[in-house]
Amino acid sequence: LIIIDHGHGFKTYYGHTSKLMVKAGDRVKRGQVIALMGTSGHSTGYHLHYEIWQNGRVVNPMRFVKAQED
């Protein structure tokens, strides 16, 4: 599990990774590879578990997903 604290009450969570590419305390930049996707627990295949938290509450990540422009 990787948790990134973005400040202003926002944190993102990334789970089911196979290899971490950053360590606690690292500063990361947009687009940087932070982990490799994997499988763990009782999952049936490779995938990414992604959550956005705002002020201690989980929020719908679709509010923050930007559509790709042609």
N, C-alpha and C. Protein backbone atom coordinates (compact mmCIF):
# COMPACT_ATOMS: atom_id res chain seq x y z
N LEU A 1 0.85 -1.19 0.00
CA LEU A 1 0.00 0.00 0.00
C LEU A 1 0.88 1.23 0.00
N ILE A 2 0.55 2.16 -0.85
CA ILE A 2 1.20 3.47 -0.86
C ILE A 2 0.13 4.51 -0.57
N ILE A 3 0.44 5.40 0.35
CA ILE A 3 -0.45 6.53 0.66
C ILE A 3 0.32 7.80 0.35
N ILE A 4 -0.24 8.64 -0.49
CA ILE A 4 0.37 9.93 -0.82
C ILE A 4 -0.47 11.02 -0.20
N ASP A 5 0.17 11.85 0.61
CA ASP A 5 -0.48 13.00 1.23
C ASP A 5 -0.26 14.20 0.32
N HIS A 6 -1.34 14.70 -0.28
CA HIS A 6 -1.26 15.82 -1.22
C HIS A 6 -1.43 17.18 -0.54
N GLY A 7 -1.67 17.16 0.77
CA GLY A 7 -1.94 18.41 1.47
C GLY A 7 -3.39 18.81 1.32
N HIS A 8 -3.79 19.84 2.02
CA HIS A 8 -5.17 20.38 1.95
C HIS A 8 -6.22 19.31 2.25
N GLY A 9 -5.85 18.30 3.08
CA GLY A 9 -6.79 17.26 3.47
C GLY A 9 -6.94 16.11 2.50
N PHE A 10 -6.18 16.10 1.39
CA PHE A 10 -6.30 15.06 0.38
C PHE A 10 -5.20 14.01 0.51
N LYS A 11 -5.61 12.73 0.42
CA LYS A 11 -4.67 11.61 0.38
C LYS A 11 -5.16 10.63 -0.68
N THR A 12 -4.21 10.01 -1.39
CA THR A 12 -4.57 8.95 -2.33
C THR A 12 -3.92 7.66 -1.86
N TYR A 13 -4.66 6.55 -2.04
CA TYR A 13 -4.23 5.23 -1.61
C TYR A 13 -4.11 4.33 -2.83
N TYR A 14 -3.01 3.58 -2.92
CA TYR A 14 -2.76 2.67 -4.03
C TYR A 14 -2.42 1.30 -3.44
N GLY A 15 -3.23 0.29 -3.73
CA GLY A 15 -3.02 -1.02 -3.15
C GLY A 15 -2.91 -2.12 -4.18
N HIS A 16 -2.56 -3.31 -3.72
CA HIS A 16 -2.35 -4.52 -4.53
C HIS A 16 -1.16 -4.34 -5.46
N THR A 17 -0.11 -3.73 -4.95
CA THR A 17 1.09 -3.52 -5.75
C THR A 17 2.01 -4.73 -5.64
N SER A 18 2.84 -4.94 -6.68
CA SER A 18 3.80 -6.04 -6.65
C SER A 18 5.19 -5.56 -6.28
N LYS A 19 5.47 -4.28 -6.52
CA LYS A 19 6.78 -3.72 -6.19
C LYS A 19 6.63 -2.23 -5.96
N LEU A 20 7.15 -1.75 -4.84
CA LEU A 20 7.13 -0.32 -4.54
C LEU A 20 8.35 0.34 -5.18
N MET A 21 8.14 1.47 -5.82
CA MET A 21 9.22 2.20 -6.48
C MET A 21 9.62 3.45 -5.70
N VAL A 22 8.93 3.73 -4.61
CA VAL A 22 9.24 4.86 -3.74
C VAL A 22 9.25 4.35 -2.30
N LYS A 23 9.82 5.16 -1.41
CA LYS A 23 9.83 4.79 0.00
C LYS A 23 9.23 5.91 0.83
N ALA A 24 8.91 5.62 2.06
CA ALA A 24 8.31 6.60 2.96
C ALA A 24 9.15 7.86 3.00
N GLY A 25 8.48 9.00 2.87
CA GLY A 25 9.16 10.29 2.92
C GLY A 25 9.58 10.84 1.57
N ASP A 26 9.56 10.01 0.51
CA ASP A 26 9.93 10.50 -0.83
C ASP A 26 8.91 11.51 -1.31
N ARG A 27 9.39 12.52 -2.03
CA ARG A 27 8.51 13.45 -2.73
C ARG A 27 8.28 12.86 -4.12
N VAL A 28 7.05 12.88 -4.58
CA VAL A 28 6.73 12.33 -5.89
C VAL A 28 6.15 13.41 -6.78
N LYS A 29 6.28 13.20 -8.08
CA LYS A 29 5.76 14.15 -9.06
C LYS A 29 4.69 13.49 -9.90
N ARG A 30 3.81 14.29 -10.44
CA ARG A 30 2.76 13.79 -11.33
C ARG A 30 3.40 13.00 -12.46
N GLY A 31 2.85 11.82 -12.73
CA GLY A 31 3.35 10.97 -13.80
C GLY A 31 4.46 10.02 -13.39
N GLN A 32 5.00 10.19 -12.19
CA GLN A 32 6.08 9.33 -11.72
C GLN A 32 5.54 7.94 -11.38
N VAL A 33 6.28 6.90 -11.75
CA VAL A 33 5.91 5.54 -11.40
C VAL A 33 6.22 5.34 -9.92
N ILE A 34 5.19 5.02 -9.13
CA ILE A 34 5.37 4.84 -7.69
C ILE A 34 5.34 3.37 -7.28
N ALA A 35 4.76 2.52 -8.13
CA ALA A 35 4.68 1.09 -7.84
C ALA A 35 4.31 0.34 -9.11
N LEU A 36 4.51 -0.97 -9.06
CA LEU A 36 4.07 -1.83 -10.14
C LEU A 36 2.79 -2.53 -9.71
N MET A 37 1.86 -2.65 -10.63
CA MET A 37 0.57 -3.26 -10.33
C MET A 37 0.78 -4.73 -10.02
N GLY A 38 -0.04 -5.25 -9.11
CA GLY A 38 0.11 -6.65 -8.74
C GLY A 38 -1.19 -7.25 -8.28
N THR A 39 -1.05 -8.28 -7.49
CA THR A 39 -2.20 -8.98 -6.93
C THR A 39 -1.84 -9.40 -5.52
N SER A 40 -2.78 -9.31 -4.63
CA SER A 40 -2.53 -9.71 -3.25
C SER A 40 -3.85 -10.11 -2.61
N GLY A 41 -3.75 -10.75 -1.44
CA GLY A 41 -4.96 -11.16 -0.75
C GLY A 41 -5.72 -12.20 -1.54
N HIS A 42 -7.02 -12.03 -1.63
CA HIS A 42 -7.88 -12.99 -2.33
C HIS A 42 -8.26 -12.51 -3.73
N SER A 43 -7.46 -11.64 -4.32
CA SER A 43 -7.80 -11.12 -5.64
C SER A 43 -7.64 -12.21 -6.70
N THR A 44 -8.32 -12.04 -7.82
CA THR A 44 -8.30 -13.05 -8.89
C THR A 44 -7.38 -12.66 -10.03
N GLY A 45 -6.73 -11.51 -9.93
CA GLY A 45 -5.81 -11.10 -10.99
C GLY A 45 -5.20 -9.75 -10.69
N TYR A 46 -4.29 -9.35 -11.56
CA TYR A 46 -3.59 -8.08 -11.40
C TYR A 46 -4.57 -6.92 -11.53
N HIS A 47 -4.45 -5.97 -10.64
CA HIS A 47 -5.29 -4.78 -10.68
C HIS A 47 -4.73 -3.75 -9.70
N LEU A 48 -5.28 -2.57 -9.70
CA LEU A 48 -4.90 -1.51 -8.78
C LEU A 48 -6.10 -1.12 -7.94
N HIS A 49 -5.88 -1.04 -6.66
CA HIS A 49 -6.91 -0.52 -5.76
C HIS A 49 -6.57 0.94 -5.52
N TYR A 50 -7.49 1.84 -5.86
CA TYR A 50 -7.23 3.28 -5.81
C TYR A 50 -8.34 3.95 -5.02
N GLU A 51 -7.96 4.76 -4.05
CA GLU A 51 -8.94 5.52 -3.27
C GLU A 51 -8.45 6.96 -3.12
N ILE A 52 -9.40 7.88 -3.04
CA ILE A 52 -9.11 9.27 -2.69
C ILE A 52 -9.84 9.57 -1.40
N TRP A 53 -9.11 10.13 -0.46
CA TRP A 53 -9.68 10.55 0.82
C TRP A 53 -9.55 12.06 0.96
N GLN A 54 -10.60 12.70 1.46
CA GLN A 54 -10.59 14.13 1.71
C GLN A 54 -11.06 14.35 3.13
N ASN A 55 -10.21 14.94 3.94
CA ASN A 55 -10.52 15.23 5.34
C ASN A 55 -11.04 13.99 6.08
N GLY A 56 -10.35 12.85 5.87
CA GLY A 56 -10.68 11.63 6.59
C GLY A 56 -11.85 10.84 6.07
N ARG A 57 -12.38 11.22 4.90
CA ARG A 57 -13.51 10.49 4.32
C ARG A 57 -13.20 10.12 2.88
N VAL A 58 -13.59 8.91 2.50
CA VAL A 58 -13.38 8.47 1.13
C VAL A 58 -14.34 9.23 0.21
N VAL A 59 -13.84 9.62 -0.97
CA VAL A 59 -14.67 10.35 -1.95
C VAL A 59 -14.61 9.62 -3.29
N ASN A 60 -15.58 9.89 -4.14
CA ASN A 60 -15.65 9.29 -5.46
C ASN A 60 -14.49 9.80 -6.32
N PRO A 61 -13.59 8.92 -6.79
CA PRO A 61 -12.44 9.38 -7.57
C PRO A 61 -12.81 9.93 -8.94
N MET A 62 -14.01 9.63 -9.43
CA MET A 62 -14.40 10.13 -10.75
C MET A 62 -14.47 11.65 -10.79
N ARG A 63 -14.62 12.29 -9.63
CA ARG A 63 -14.61 13.76 -9.57
C ARG A 63 -13.25 14.32 -9.98
N PHE A 64 -12.20 13.48 -9.92
CA PHE A 64 -10.84 13.96 -10.14
C PHE A 64 -10.18 13.38 -11.38
N VAL A 65 -10.88 12.47 -12.07
CA VAL A 65 -10.31 11.85 -13.26
C VAL A 65 -10.53 12.77 -14.45
N LYS A 66 -9.46 13.09 -15.12
CA LYS A 66 -9.53 13.96 -16.29
C LYS A 66 -9.65 13.12 -17.54
N ALA A 67 -10.61 13.43 -18.38
CA ALA A 67 -10.78 12.70 -19.63
C ALA A 67 -9.61 13.02 -20.56
N GLN A 68 -9.18 12.01 -21.29
CA GLN A 68 -8.09 12.20 -22.24
C GLN A 68 -8.63 12.99 -23.43
N GLU A 69 -7.86 14.00 -23.82
CA GLU A 69 -8.26 14.82 -24.98
C GLU A 69 -7.63 14.25 -26.23
N ASP A 70 -8.35 14.35 -27.34
CA ASP A 70 -7.81 13.84 -28.62
C ASP A 70 -6.73 14.73 -29.17
